[in-house]
Amino acid sequence: MSRICRHPLALSALICSLLCLDFVASSGIARADDWARKMFKETSHDFRTVGRGAVAEHRFEFRNPYKDPVRVASVRTSCGCTTPSVTKNLLAAGENAAVVAKFNTETHVGQKNATITVVFDKPYYSEVQLKVQGNIRTEVTFNPPEVNFGELSPGQEKVQEILITRVGSDAWQIRDVRSLCTDLAVSIEPPMRTPQGISYKMKVASKKTLPAGDLRERLTLLTSDPRFPTIDMAVSGRVRSGLEVSPASLGLGTVKTGGTVDKKLVIRAEEVFAIRSVKSDDPRFRFEIPTGQKKLHFVQVFFDADQSTGNVSRAIRIETDLGAGKSAECLATVTIEP
């Protein structure tokens, strides 16, 4: 004859386990111990060798693939050589964010390692550890500390000048500069020798072919130093799209069953254009589309909730009369409550 445990603590633990299993099943999360880790594309980064005061940041991108909202409660680091931050704490289904690791090259030197712990408290508790490392050299400096093009128009060419200084032996040489980005052009002038060491003036140019979006690249300097043959330098900027939608992720908030919620989308371009259509594969979305040709349009987005409940995440596609019928997309999210 089987026995049923009626101890209140045991029953409480059993109920908690059943609720956890129910959440795992409903959210599509296979294992409670690695659901958060699966959101990250990568969990380690090597800054390699960088100069004193150089800008060194890395974005650990992650995405919420689950039905339930995910919340980052905190981020902490094991070493003051790295400062972590998060671009977005609360992610609805389908939304993206990043943990940004900033290597503190102005206040630390030498070989450094850090572990960043990302703590999630929704839909339930979990931790993800991200590893960073790098070598900060004191005798090499960059002025300014990074190649920053700022905001560029599509096809715009821009040149940035960087002064690279190495204190100490004047036998040091920069032999080459390499990058994985073929949309950048780099040139270096002959070395300038001073009583303190040696300096190089480097010019970095953006080509017309630089694609739209955020620019996050790095240049690798190949030097004559056998101990540290390479030094990395950050390249940043942003190329405006020929067609931009703001916000890229439209959060409509919470709506009751049978209710309606609405928000505004801003669509802009470098030249005047007309919006041909705004569509979603979910019939609960509807749109007020402006007429005429302008550089800036406002589209009102409505969501008419039915009797179903839960989180909704759908793509909205905007088609225009720009060259080749240029289009853009944004992700719309909304939560329906009883």
C-alpha atoms as a PDB file:
ATOM      1  CA  MET A   1       0.000   0.000   0.000  1.00  0.00           C
ATOM      2  CA  SER A   2       1.498   3.374  -1.029  1.00  0.00           C
ATOM      3  CA  ARG A   3       1.809   6.199   1.447  1.00  0.00           C
ATOM      4  CA  ILE A   4       1.057   9.874   0.758  1.00  0.00           C
ATOM      5  CA  CYS A   5       3.328  12.449   2.394  1.00  0.00           C
ATOM      6  CA  ARG A   6       1.165  15.120   4.070  1.00  0.00           C
ATOM      7  CA  HIS A   7       3.944  17.181   5.691  1.00  0.00           C
ATOM      8  CA  PRO A   8       3.260  20.855   4.824  1.00  0.00           C
ATOM      9  CA  LEU A   9       6.893  21.573   3.837  1.00  0.00           C
ATOM     10  CA  ALA A  10       7.019  18.542   1.585  1.00  0.00           C
ATOM     11  CA  LEU A  11       3.718  19.498  -0.041  1.00  0.00           C
ATOM     12  CA  SER A  12       5.016  23.050  -0.555  1.00  0.00           C
ATOM     13  CA  ALA A  13       8.168  21.765  -2.253  1.00  0.00           C
ATOM     14  CA  LEU A  14       6.095  19.440  -4.442  1.00  0.00           C
ATOM     15  CA  ILE A  15       3.771  22.264  -5.526  1.00  0.00           C
ATOM     16  CA  CYS A  16       6.772  24.513  -6.289  1.00  0.00           C
ATOM     17  CA  SER A  17       8.337  21.773  -8.437  1.00  0.00           C
ATOM     18  CA  LEU A  18       5.102  21.234 -10.339  1.00  0.00           C
ATOM     19  CA  LEU A  19       4.719  24.978 -10.989  1.00  0.00           C
ATOM     20  CA  CYS A  20       8.304  25.169 -12.221  1.00  0.00           C
ATOM     21  CA  LEU A  21       7.719  22.216 -14.584  1.00  0.00           C
ATOM     22  CA  ASP A  22       4.523  23.860 -15.826  1.00  0.00           C
ATOM     23  CA  PHE A  23       6.427  27.089 -16.584  1.00  0.00           C
ATOM     24  CA  VAL A  24       9.209  25.210 -18.361  1.00  0.00           C
ATOM     25  CA  ALA A  25       6.679  23.437 -20.559  1.00  0.00           C
ATOM     26  CA  SER A  26       4.630  26.538 -21.366  1.00  0.00           C
ATOM     27  CA  SER A  27       7.655  28.724 -22.112  1.00  0.00           C
ATOM     28  CA  GLY A  28       9.447  26.213 -24.299  1.00  0.00           C
ATOM     29  CA  ILE A  29      12.465  26.140 -21.957  1.00  0.00           C
ATOM     30  CA  ALA A  30      14.024  22.702 -22.051  1.00  0.00           C
ATOM     31  CA  ARG A  31      16.244  22.843 -18.969  1.00  0.00           C
ATOM     32  CA  ALA A  32      16.007  25.157 -15.987  1.00  0.00           C
ATOM     33  CA  ASP A  33      19.787  25.288 -15.503  1.00  0.00           C
ATOM     34  CA  ASP A  34      20.758  26.641 -18.939  1.00  0.00           C
ATOM     35  CA  TRP A  35      17.744  28.550 -20.273  1.00  0.00           C
ATOM     36  CA  ALA A  36      19.467  31.913 -19.722  1.00  0.00           C
ATOM     37  CA  ARG A  37      22.787  30.772 -21.221  1.00  0.00           C
ATOM     38  CA  LYS A  38      21.013  29.786 -24.442  1.00  0.00           C
ATOM     39  CA  MET A  39      20.022  33.420 -25.046  1.00  0.00           C
ATOM     40  CA  PHE A  40      23.668  34.508 -25.561  1.00  0.00           C
ATOM     41  CA  LYS A  41      25.544  34.221 -28.840  1.00  0.00           C
ATOM     42  CA  GLU A  42      28.881  34.049 -26.977  1.00  0.00           C
ATOM     43  CA  THR A  43      30.128  34.078 -23.393  1.00  0.00           C
ATOM     44  CA  SER A  44      33.795  35.061 -23.740  1.00  0.00           C
ATOM     45  CA  HIS A  45      35.868  37.776 -25.414  1.00  0.00           C
ATOM     46  CA  ASP A  46      39.584  38.531 -25.729  1.00  0.00           C
ATOM     47  CA  PHE A  47      40.488  42.218 -26.082  1.00  0.00           C
ATOM     48  CA  ARG A  48      44.005  41.001 -26.907  1.00  0.00           C
ATOM     49  CA  THR A  49      46.625  43.785 -26.601  1.00  0.00           C
ATOM     50  CA  VAL A  50      45.432  47.399 -26.334  1.00  0.00           C
ATOM     51  CA  GLY A  51      47.144  50.720 -25.596  1.00  0.00           C
ATOM     52  CA  ARG A  52      46.901  52.726 -22.381  1.00  0.00           C
ATOM     53  CA  GLY A  53      43.701  54.810 -22.422  1.00  0.00           C
ATOM     54  CA  ALA A  54      42.372  53.153 -25.582  1.00  0.00           C
ATOM     55  CA  VAL A  55      38.629  52.565 -25.918  1.00  0.00           C
ATOM     56  CA  ALA A  56      37.932  48.848 -25.530  1.00  0.00           C
ATOM     57  CA  GLU A  57      34.321  47.694 -25.286  1.00  0.00           C
ATOM     58  CA  HIS A  58      32.548  44.489 -26.241  1.00  0.00           C
ATOM     59  CA  ARG A  59      28.830  43.779 -26.550  1.00  0.00           C
ATOM     60  CA  PHE A  60      27.582  40.356 -25.472  1.00  0.00           C
ATOM     61  CA  GLU A  61      24.368  40.199 -27.501  1.00  0.00           C
ATOM     62  CA  PHE A  62      21.401  38.171 -26.257  1.00  0.00           C
ATOM     63  CA  ARG A  63      17.798  37.613 -27.357  1.00  0.00           C
ATOM     64  CA  ASN A  64      14.669  36.431 -25.550  1.00  0.00           C
ATOM     65  CA  PRO A  65      13.363  33.453 -27.601  1.00  0.00           C
ATOM     66  CA  TYR A  66      10.725  32.528 -25.004  1.00  0.00           C
ATOM     67  CA  LYS A  67       7.061  33.424 -24.614  1.00  0.00           C
ATOM     68  CA  ASP A  68       7.517  35.008 -21.190  1.00  0.00           C
ATOM     69  CA  PRO A  69       9.306  38.328 -20.472  1.00  0.00           C
ATOM     70  CA  VAL A  70      12.907  38.059 -19.276  1.00  0.00           C
ATOM     71  CA  ARG A  71      14.397  40.532 -16.794  1.00  0.00           C
ATOM     72  CA  VAL A  72      18.026  41.256 -15.918  1.00  0.00           C
ATOM     73  CA  ALA A  73      18.149  42.017 -12.193  1.00  0.00           C
ATOM     74  CA  SER A  74      21.828  43.009 -12.062  1.00  0.00           C
ATOM     75  CA  VAL A  75      25.296  42.655 -13.589  1.00  0.00           C
ATOM     76  CA  ARG A  76      28.467  42.483 -11.512  1.00  0.00           C
ATOM     77  CA  THR A  77      32.166  42.007 -12.204  1.00  0.00           C
ATOM     78  CA  SER A  78      34.942  40.139 -10.439  1.00  0.00           C
ATOM     79  CA  CYS A  79      37.571  42.771 -11.327  1.00  0.00           C
ATOM     80  CA  GLY A  80      37.655  46.572 -11.437  1.00  0.00           C
ATOM     81  CA  CYS A  81      39.460  46.330 -14.772  1.00  0.00           C
ATOM     82  CA  THR A  82      36.067  45.803 -16.420  1.00  0.00           C
ATOM     83  CA  THR A  83      32.829  47.770 -16.011  1.00  0.00           C
ATOM     84  CA  PRO A  84      29.633  45.979 -17.123  1.00  0.00           C
ATOM     85  CA  SER A  85      26.286  47.479 -18.094  1.00  0.00           C
ATOM     86  CA  VAL A  86      23.136  46.260 -19.828  1.00  0.00           C
ATOM     87  CA  THR A  87      21.353  48.076 -22.664  1.00  0.00           C
ATOM     88  CA  LYS A  88      17.878  46.832 -21.706  1.00  0.00           C
ATOM     89  CA  ASN A  89      16.740  45.175 -18.473  1.00  0.00           C
ATOM     90  CA  LEU A  90      13.306  43.872 -19.448  1.00  0.00           C
ATOM     91  CA  LEU A  91      12.922  41.930 -22.712  1.00  0.00           C
ATOM     92  CA  ALA A  92       9.579  40.889 -24.149  1.00  0.00           C
ATOM     93  CA  ALA A  93       9.404  37.828 -26.388  1.00  0.00           C
ATOM     94  CA  GLY A  94      11.677  38.261 -29.404  1.00  0.00           C
ATOM     95  CA  GLU A  95      13.470  41.374 -28.122  1.00  0.00           C
ATOM     96  CA  ASN A  96      17.251  41.861 -28.162  1.00  0.00           C
ATOM     97  CA  ALA A  97      19.700  43.483 -25.744  1.00  0.00           C
ATOM     98  CA  ALA A  98      23.391  43.395 -24.866  1.00  0.00           C
ATOM     99  CA  VAL A  99      25.677  43.286 -21.857  1.00  0.00           C
ATOM    100  CA  VAL A 100      28.416  45.843 -22.565  1.00  0.00           C
ATOM    101  CA  ALA A 101      31.851  45.080 -21.102  1.00  0.00           C
ATOM    102  CA  LYS A 102      34.124  48.143 -20.884  1.00  0.00           C
ATOM    103  CA  PHE A 103      37.820  47.413 -20.391  1.00  0.00           C
ATOM    104  CA  ASN A 104      39.201  50.148 -18.093  1.00  0.00           C
ATOM    105  CA  THR A 105      42.444  50.873 -19.906  1.00  0.00           C
ATOM    106  CA  GLU A 106      43.004  54.231 -18.194  1.00  0.00           C
ATOM    107  CA  THR A 107      43.155  52.871 -14.646  1.00  0.00           C
ATOM    108  CA  HIS A 108      44.586  49.368 -15.126  1.00  0.00           C
ATOM    109  CA  VAL A 109      47.670  47.961 -16.829  1.00  0.00           C
ATOM    110  CA  GLY A 110      49.052  44.560 -17.723  1.00  0.00           C
ATOM    111  CA  GLN A 111      47.270  41.265 -18.301  1.00  0.00           C
ATOM    112  CA  LYS A 112      43.740  41.397 -16.878  1.00  0.00           C
ATOM    113  CA  ASN A 113      40.890  38.907 -16.596  1.00  0.00           C
ATOM    114  CA  ALA A 114      37.345  39.396 -15.357  1.00  0.00           C
ATOM    115  CA  THR A 115      34.150  37.423 -14.956  1.00  0.00           C
ATOM    116  CA  ILE A 116      30.872  39.291 -15.467  1.00  0.00           C
ATOM    117  CA  THR A 117      27.887  37.682 -13.772  1.00  0.00           C
ATOM    118  CA  VAL A 118      24.497  38.463 -15.297  1.00  0.00           C
ATOM    119  CA  VAL A 119      21.651  37.795 -12.847  1.00  0.00           C
ATOM    120  CA  PHE A 120      18.128  37.124 -14.157  1.00  0.00           C
ATOM    121  CA  ASP A 121      15.114  37.137 -11.824  1.00  0.00           C
ATOM    122  CA  LYS A 122      12.343  36.662 -14.413  1.00  0.00           C
ATOM    123  CA  PRO A 123      10.776  34.390 -15.472  1.00  0.00           C
ATOM    124  CA  TYR A 124      12.784  32.775 -12.656  1.00  0.00           C
ATOM    125  CA  TYR A 125      16.275  32.996 -11.178  1.00  0.00           C
ATOM    126  CA  SER A 126      19.354  32.168 -13.228  1.00  0.00           C
ATOM    127  CA  GLU A 127      22.936  33.401 -13.666  1.00  0.00           C
ATOM    128  CA  VAL A 128      25.173  33.588 -16.725  1.00  0.00           C
ATOM    129  CA  GLN A 129      28.909  34.171 -16.490  1.00  0.00           C
ATOM    130  CA  LEU A 130      30.746  36.081 -19.223  1.00  0.00           C
ATOM    131  CA  LYS A 131      34.555  36.023 -19.429  1.00  0.00           C
ATOM    132  CA  VAL A 132      36.795  38.846 -20.701  1.00  0.00           C
ATOM    133  CA  GLN A 133      40.557  39.215 -20.830  1.00  0.00           C
ATOM    134  CA  GLY A 134      43.196  41.454 -22.359  1.00  0.00           C
ATOM    135  CA  ASN A 135      46.624  43.031 -22.005  1.00  0.00           C
ATOM    136  CA  ILE A 136      46.866  46.797 -21.392  1.00  0.00           C
ATOM    137  CA  ARG A 137      50.226  48.299 -22.384  1.00  0.00           C
ATOM    138  CA  THR A 138      51.485  51.496 -20.758  1.00  0.00           C
ATOM    139  CA  GLU A 139      54.110  52.550 -23.299  1.00  0.00           C
ATOM    140  CA  VAL A 140      51.718  52.786 -26.284  1.00  0.00           C
ATOM    141  CA  THR A 141      48.970  55.438 -26.472  1.00  0.00           C
ATOM    142  CA  PHE A 142      46.428  56.572 -29.066  1.00  0.00           C
ATOM    143  CA  ASN A 143      45.202  60.152 -29.453  1.00  0.00           C
ATOM    144  CA  PRO A 144      42.212  60.209 -29.732  1.00  0.00           C
ATOM    145  CA  PRO A 145      41.671  56.861 -27.954  1.00  0.00           C
ATOM    146  CA  GLU A 146      39.553  55.356 -30.771  1.00  0.00           C
ATOM    147  CA  VAL A 147      38.571  55.889 -34.388  1.00  0.00           C
ATOM    148  CA  ASN A 148      35.060  57.307 -34.022  1.00  0.00           C
ATOM    149  CA  PHE A 149      33.280  58.383 -37.214  1.00  0.00           C
ATOM    150  CA  GLY A 150      30.140  59.463 -35.379  1.00  0.00           C
ATOM    151  CA  GLU A 151      27.013  59.396 -37.547  1.00  0.00           C
ATOM    152  CA  LEU A 152      27.464  59.055 -41.310  1.00  0.00           C
ATOM    153  CA  SER A 153      25.067  59.506 -44.188  1.00  0.00           C
ATOM    154  CA  PRO A 154      24.766  56.564 -46.640  1.00  0.00           C
ATOM    155  CA  GLY A 155      27.775  56.656 -48.967  1.00  0.00           C
ATOM    156  CA  GLN A 156      29.559  59.381 -46.985  1.00  0.00           C
ATOM    157  CA  GLU A 157      33.359  59.311 -46.918  1.00  0.00           C
ATOM    158  CA  LYS A 158      35.071  60.597 -43.776  1.00  0.00           C
ATOM    159  CA  VAL A 159      38.681  60.626 -42.580  1.00  0.00           C
ATOM    160  CA  GLN A 160      39.880  60.367 -38.989  1.00  0.00           C
ATOM    161  CA  GLU A 161      43.463  61.052 -37.867  1.00  0.00           C
ATOM    162  CA  ILE A 162      45.079  59.171 -34.977  1.00  0.00           C
ATOM    163  CA  LEU A 163      48.452  59.864 -33.387  1.00  0.00           C
ATOM    164  CA  ILE A 164      50.096  56.666 -32.129  1.00  0.00           C
ATOM    165  CA  THR A 165      52.948  57.213 -29.671  1.00  0.00           C
ATOM    166  CA  ARG A 166      55.378  54.692 -28.247  1.00  0.00           C
ATOM    167  CA  VAL A 167      57.544  55.852 -25.336  1.00  0.00           C
ATOM    168  CA  GLY A 168      60.990  54.270 -25.107  1.00  0.00           C
ATOM    169  CA  SER A 169      63.159  52.662 -27.742  1.00  0.00           C
ATOM    170  CA  ASP A 170      63.064  54.427 -31.127  1.00  0.00           C
ATOM    171  CA  ALA A 171      63.663  51.071 -32.845  1.00  0.00           C
ATOM    172  CA  TRP A 172      59.952  50.236 -32.514  1.00  0.00           C
ATOM    173  CA  GLN A 173      58.081  50.107 -35.826  1.00  0.00           C
ATOM    174  CA  ILE A 174      54.530  49.688 -37.097  1.00  0.00           C
ATOM    175  CA  ARG A 175      54.934  47.281 -39.995  1.00  0.00           C
ATOM    176  CA  ASP A 176      51.331  46.942 -41.112  1.00  0.00           C
ATOM    177  CA  VAL A 177      47.719  47.647 -40.174  1.00  0.00           C
ATOM    178  CA  ARG A 178      45.007  45.065 -40.810  1.00  0.00           C
ATOM    179  CA  SER A 179      41.243  44.889 -40.466  1.00  0.00           C
ATOM    180  CA  LEU A 180      38.505  42.419 -41.320  1.00  0.00           C
ATOM    181  CA  CYS A 181      36.416  45.356 -42.585  1.00  0.00           C
ATOM    182  CA  THR A 182      37.071  45.993 -46.293  1.00  0.00           C
ATOM    183  CA  ASP A 183      35.036  49.224 -46.145  1.00  0.00           C
ATOM    184  CA  LEU A 184      37.854  51.065 -44.338  1.00  0.00           C
ATOM    185  CA  ALA A 185      41.020  52.523 -45.895  1.00  0.00           C
ATOM    186  CA  VAL A 186      44.105  52.991 -43.702  1.00  0.00           C
ATOM    187  CA  SER A 187      47.355  54.867 -44.352  1.00  0.00           C
ATOM    188  CA  ILE A 188      50.330  55.632 -42.089  1.00  0.00           C
ATOM    189  CA  GLU A 189      52.834  58.449 -42.498  1.00  0.00           C
ATOM    190  CA  PRO A 190      56.597  57.967 -41.883  1.00  0.00           C
ATOM    191  CA  PRO A 191      57.586  57.829 -38.179  1.00  0.00           C
ATOM    192  CA  MET A 192      58.396  60.966 -36.225  1.00  0.00           C
ATOM    193  CA  ARG A 193      61.216  60.491 -33.743  1.00  0.00           C
ATOM    194  CA  THR A 194      61.354  62.466 -30.483  1.00  0.00           C
ATOM    195  CA  PRO A 195      63.606  62.340 -27.391  1.00  0.00           C
ATOM    196  CA  GLN A 196      60.842  60.390 -25.623  1.00  0.00           C
ATOM    197  CA  GLY A 197      60.260  57.786 -28.333  1.00  0.00           C
ATOM    198  CA  ILE A 198      58.494  57.521 -31.666  1.00  0.00           C
ATOM    199  CA  SER A 199      55.117  58.604 -33.103  1.00  0.00           C
ATOM    200  CA  TYR A 200      53.077  57.661 -36.164  1.00  0.00           C
ATOM    201  CA  LYS A 201      50.216  59.586 -37.728  1.00  0.00           C
ATOM    202  CA  MET A 202      47.537  57.197 -39.016  1.00  0.00           C
ATOM    203  CA  LYS A 203      44.583  58.121 -41.219  1.00  0.00           C
ATOM    204  CA  VAL A 204      41.480  55.939 -41.318  1.00  0.00           C
ATOM    205  CA  ALA A 205      38.823  56.626 -43.963  1.00  0.00           C
ATOM    206  CA  SER A 206      35.315  55.277 -44.373  1.00  0.00           C
ATOM    207  CA  LYS A 207      34.483  54.138 -47.897  1.00  0.00           C
ATOM    208  CA  LYS A 208      31.229  54.747 -49.759  1.00  0.00           C
ATOM    209  CA  THR A 209      30.545  51.019 -49.498  1.00  0.00           C
ATOM    210  CA  LEU A 210      30.243  51.067 -45.694  1.00  0.00           C
ATOM    211  CA  PRO A 211      26.851  49.412 -45.012  1.00  0.00           C
ATOM    212  CA  ALA A 212      24.072  50.951 -42.947  1.00  0.00           C
ATOM    213  CA  GLY A 213      23.972  50.241 -39.235  1.00  0.00           C
ATOM    214  CA  ASP A 214      26.332  50.376 -36.262  1.00  0.00           C
ATOM    215  CA  LEU A 215      30.050  50.168 -36.980  1.00  0.00           C
ATOM    216  CA  ARG A 216      32.006  48.150 -34.419  1.00  0.00           C
ATOM    217  CA  GLU A 217      35.328  47.054 -35.840  1.00  0.00           C
ATOM    218  CA  ARG A 218      38.945  46.998 -34.772  1.00  0.00           C
ATOM    219  CA  LEU A 219      42.273  47.696 -36.420  1.00  0.00           C
ATOM    220  CA  THR A 220      45.226  45.435 -35.657  1.00  0.00           C
ATOM    221  CA  LEU A 221      48.650  47.066 -35.736  1.00  0.00           C
ATOM    222  CA  LEU A 222      51.510  44.688 -36.532  1.00  0.00           C
ATOM    223  CA  THR A 223      54.678  45.892 -34.797  1.00  0.00           C
ATOM    224  CA  SER A 224      58.344  44.984 -34.556  1.00  0.00           C
ATOM    225  CA  ASP A 225      58.086  44.128 -30.848  1.00  0.00           C
ATOM    226  CA  PRO A 226      58.537  40.326 -30.563  1.00  0.00           C
ATOM    227  CA  ARG A 227      56.913  40.263 -27.112  1.00  0.00           C
ATOM    228  CA  PHE A 228      53.756  42.123 -28.182  1.00  0.00           C
ATOM    229  CA  PRO A 229      53.624  41.871 -31.983  1.00  0.00           C
ATOM    230  CA  THR A 230      50.075  43.224 -32.263  1.00  0.00           C
ATOM    231  CA  ILE A 231      48.040  46.072 -30.760  1.00  0.00           C
ATOM    232  CA  ASP A 232      44.307  46.532 -31.349  1.00  0.00           C
ATOM    233  CA  MET A 233      42.367  49.769 -31.753  1.00  0.00           C
ATOM    234  CA  ALA A 234      38.575  50.230 -31.766  1.00  0.00           C
ATOM    235  CA  VAL A 235      36.658  51.677 -34.719  1.00  0.00           C
ATOM    236  CA  SER A 236      33.115  52.887 -34.121  1.00  0.00           C
ATOM    237  CA  GLY A 237      30.359  54.885 -35.771  1.00  0.00           C
ATOM    238  CA  ARG A 238      26.951  54.563 -37.320  1.00  0.00           C
ATOM    239  CA  VAL A 239      25.795  54.768 -40.927  1.00  0.00           C
ATOM    240  CA  ARG A 240      22.222  55.979 -41.213  1.00  0.00           C
ATOM    241  CA  SER A 241      19.978  53.744 -43.242  1.00  0.00           C
ATOM    242  CA  GLY A 242      18.365  55.027 -46.398  1.00  0.00           C
ATOM    243  CA  LEU A 243      15.133  54.175 -44.545  1.00  0.00           C
ATOM    244  CA  GLU A 244      14.867  54.183 -40.755  1.00  0.00           C
ATOM    245  CA  VAL A 245      12.084  53.078 -38.425  1.00  0.00           C
ATOM    246  CA  SER A 246      11.934  54.343 -34.859  1.00  0.00           C
ATOM    247  CA  PRO A 247      11.607  52.670 -32.464  1.00  0.00           C
ATOM    248  CA  ALA A 248      13.109  49.481 -33.946  1.00  0.00           C
ATOM    249  CA  SER A 249      11.185  47.552 -31.300  1.00  0.00           C
ATOM    250  CA  LEU A 250       7.680  48.908 -30.615  1.00  0.00           C
ATOM    251  CA  GLY A 251       6.372  47.971 -27.176  1.00  0.00           C
ATOM    252  CA  LEU A 252       2.609  48.448 -27.018  1.00  0.00           C
ATOM    253  CA  GLY A 253       2.456  47.530 -23.349  1.00  0.00           C
ATOM    254  CA  THR A 254      -0.517  45.690 -21.822  1.00  0.00           C
ATOM    255  CA  VAL A 255      -4.107  45.555 -23.031  1.00  0.00           C
ATOM    256  CA  LYS A 256      -7.230  43.835 -21.686  1.00  0.00           C
ATOM    257  CA  THR A 257      -9.035  41.228 -23.765  1.00  0.00           C
ATOM    258  CA  GLY A 258     -11.330  42.974 -26.207  1.00  0.00           C
ATOM    259  CA  GLY A 259      -9.496  46.285 -25.767  1.00  0.00           C
ATOM    260  CA  THR A 260      -7.379  48.384 -28.121  1.00  0.00           C
ATOM    261  CA  VAL A 261      -3.938  49.936 -27.661  1.00  0.00           C
ATOM    262  CA  ASP A 262      -1.985  52.136 -30.061  1.00  0.00           C
ATOM    263  CA  LYS A 263       1.398  53.816 -30.517  1.00  0.00           C
ATOM    264  CA  LYS A 264       3.227  55.780 -33.172  1.00  0.00           C
ATOM    265  CA  LEU A 265       6.026  54.726 -35.517  1.00  0.00           C
ATOM    266  CA  VAL A 266       8.401  57.255 -37.076  1.00  0.00           C
ATOM    267  CA  ILE A 267       9.745  56.474 -40.568  1.00  0.00           C
ATOM    268  CA  ARG A 268      12.436  58.716 -42.054  1.00  0.00           C
ATOM    269  CA  ALA A 269      14.759  58.765 -45.060  1.00  0.00           C
ATOM    270  CA  GLU A 270      17.444  60.977 -46.608  1.00  0.00           C
ATOM    271  CA  GLU A 271      15.090  61.929 -49.460  1.00  0.00           C
ATOM    272  CA  VAL A 272      11.348  62.434 -49.843  1.00  0.00           C
ATOM    273  CA  PHE A 273       9.311  59.246 -50.181  1.00  0.00           C
ATOM    274  CA  ALA A 274       5.815  57.835 -49.915  1.00  0.00           C
ATOM    275  CA  ILE A 275       4.687  54.834 -47.878  1.00  0.00           C
ATOM    276  CA  ARG A 276       3.044  52.229 -50.103  1.00  0.00           C
ATOM    277  CA  SER A 277       1.930  49.802 -47.399  1.00  0.00           C
ATOM    278  CA  VAL A 278       2.312  48.756 -43.770  1.00  0.00           C
ATOM    279  CA  LYS A 279       1.605  45.087 -43.072  1.00  0.00           C
ATOM    280  CA  SER A 280       1.621  42.402 -40.411  1.00  0.00           C
ATOM    281  CA  ASP A 281       0.710  38.736 -40.646  1.00  0.00           C
ATOM    282  CA  ASP A 282      -1.453  39.201 -37.525  1.00  0.00           C
ATOM    283  CA  PRO A 283      -4.901  40.646 -38.409  1.00  0.00           C
ATOM    284  CA  ARG A 284      -5.219  42.159 -34.938  1.00  0.00           C
ATOM    285  CA  PHE A 285      -2.770  44.872 -36.040  1.00  0.00           C
ATOM    286  CA  ARG A 286      -4.060  47.769 -38.145  1.00  0.00           C
ATOM    287  CA  PHE A 287      -2.445  50.984 -39.297  1.00  0.00           C
ATOM    288  CA  GLU A 288      -3.152  54.590 -40.215  1.00  0.00           C
ATOM    289  CA  ILE A 289      -0.884  55.276 -43.201  1.00  0.00           C
ATOM    290  CA  PRO A 290      -0.004  58.890 -44.120  1.00  0.00           C
ATOM    291  CA  THR A 291      -0.203  60.080 -47.716  1.00  0.00           C
ATOM    292  CA  GLY A 292       2.132  62.172 -49.850  1.00  0.00           C
ATOM    293  CA  GLN A 293       5.912  62.327 -50.191  1.00  0.00           C
ATOM    294  CA  LYS A 294       7.983  63.575 -47.266  1.00  0.00           C
ATOM    295  CA  LYS A 295      11.280  62.809 -45.556  1.00  0.00           C
ATOM    296  CA  LEU A 296       9.468  62.048 -42.301  1.00  0.00           C
ATOM    297  CA  HIS A 297       6.255  60.037 -41.820  1.00  0.00           C
ATOM    298  CA  PHE A 298       4.242  59.032 -38.749  1.00  0.00           C
ATOM    299  CA  VAL A 299       2.337  55.732 -38.786  1.00  0.00           C
ATOM    300  CA  GLN A 300      -0.226  55.031 -36.067  1.00  0.00           C
ATOM    301  CA  VAL A 301      -0.179  51.364 -35.034  1.00  0.00           C
ATOM    302  CA  PHE A 302      -3.295  49.846 -33.434  1.00  0.00           C
ATOM    303  CA  PHE A 303      -3.680  46.444 -31.799  1.00  0.00           C
ATOM    304  CA  ASP A 304      -7.220  45.106 -31.268  1.00  0.00           C
ATOM    305  CA  ALA A 305      -7.046  42.364 -28.644  1.00  0.00           C
ATOM    306  CA  ASP A 306      -9.321  39.344 -28.963  1.00  0.00           C
ATOM    307  CA  GLN A 307     -10.219  36.946 -26.140  1.00  0.00           C
ATOM    308  CA  SER A 308      -6.888  35.114 -26.149  1.00  0.00           C
ATOM    309  CA  THR A 309      -4.290  36.046 -23.513  1.00  0.00           C
ATOM    310  CA  GLY A 310      -0.512  36.057 -23.372  1.00  0.00           C
ATOM    311  CA  ASN A 311       2.411  37.743 -25.103  1.00  0.00           C
ATOM    312  CA  VAL A 312       2.307  38.703 -28.774  1.00  0.00           C
ATOM    313  CA  SER A 313       5.417  39.430 -30.851  1.00  0.00           C
ATOM    314  CA  ARG A 314       5.009  40.236 -34.555  1.00  0.00           C
ATOM    315  CA  ALA A 315       7.026  41.885 -37.315  1.00  0.00           C
ATOM    316  CA  ILE A 316       5.648  44.999 -39.011  1.00  0.00           C
ATOM    317  CA  ARG A 317       6.856  45.587 -42.563  1.00  0.00           C
ATOM    318  CA  ILE A 318       6.870  49.049 -44.167  1.00  0.00           C
ATOM    319  CA  GLU A 319       7.157  49.293 -47.953  1.00  0.00           C
ATOM    320  CA  THR A 320       7.969  52.573 -49.722  1.00  0.00           C
ATOM    321  CA  ASP A 321       8.431  54.003 -53.216  1.00  0.00           C
ATOM    322  CA  LEU A 322      12.164  54.500 -52.713  1.00  0.00           C
ATOM    323  CA  GLY A 323      14.577  52.808 -55.097  1.00  0.00           C
ATOM    324  CA  ALA A 324      13.770  49.137 -55.690  1.00  0.00           C
ATOM    325  CA  GLY A 325      10.773  49.522 -53.360  1.00  0.00           C
ATOM    326  CA  LYS A 326      12.980  49.831 -50.289  1.00  0.00           C
ATOM    327  CA  SER A 327      11.363  48.416 -47.160  1.00  0.00           C
ATOM    328  CA  ALA A 328      12.045  48.212 -43.425  1.00  0.00           C
ATOM    329  CA  GLU A 329      10.807  46.166 -40.483  1.00  0.00           C
ATOM    330  CA  CYS A 330      10.192  46.648 -36.798  1.00  0.00           C
ATOM    331  CA  LEU A 331       9.163  44.229 -34.057  1.00  0.00           C
ATOM    332  CA  ALA A 332       5.914  44.968 -32.210  1.00  0.00           C
ATOM    333  CA  THR A 333       5.184  43.392 -28.815  1.00  0.00           C
ATOM    334  CA  VAL A 334       2.097  43.486 -26.630  1.00  0.00           C
ATOM    335  CA  THR A 335       0.701  41.534 -23.656  1.00  0.00           C
ATOM    336  CA  ILE A 336      -2.990  40.611 -23.477  1.00  0.00           C
ATOM    337  CA  GLU A 337      -4.481  40.183 -20.008  1.00  0.00           C
ATOM    338  CA  PRO A 338      -7.930  38.931 -18.965  1.00  0.00           C
END
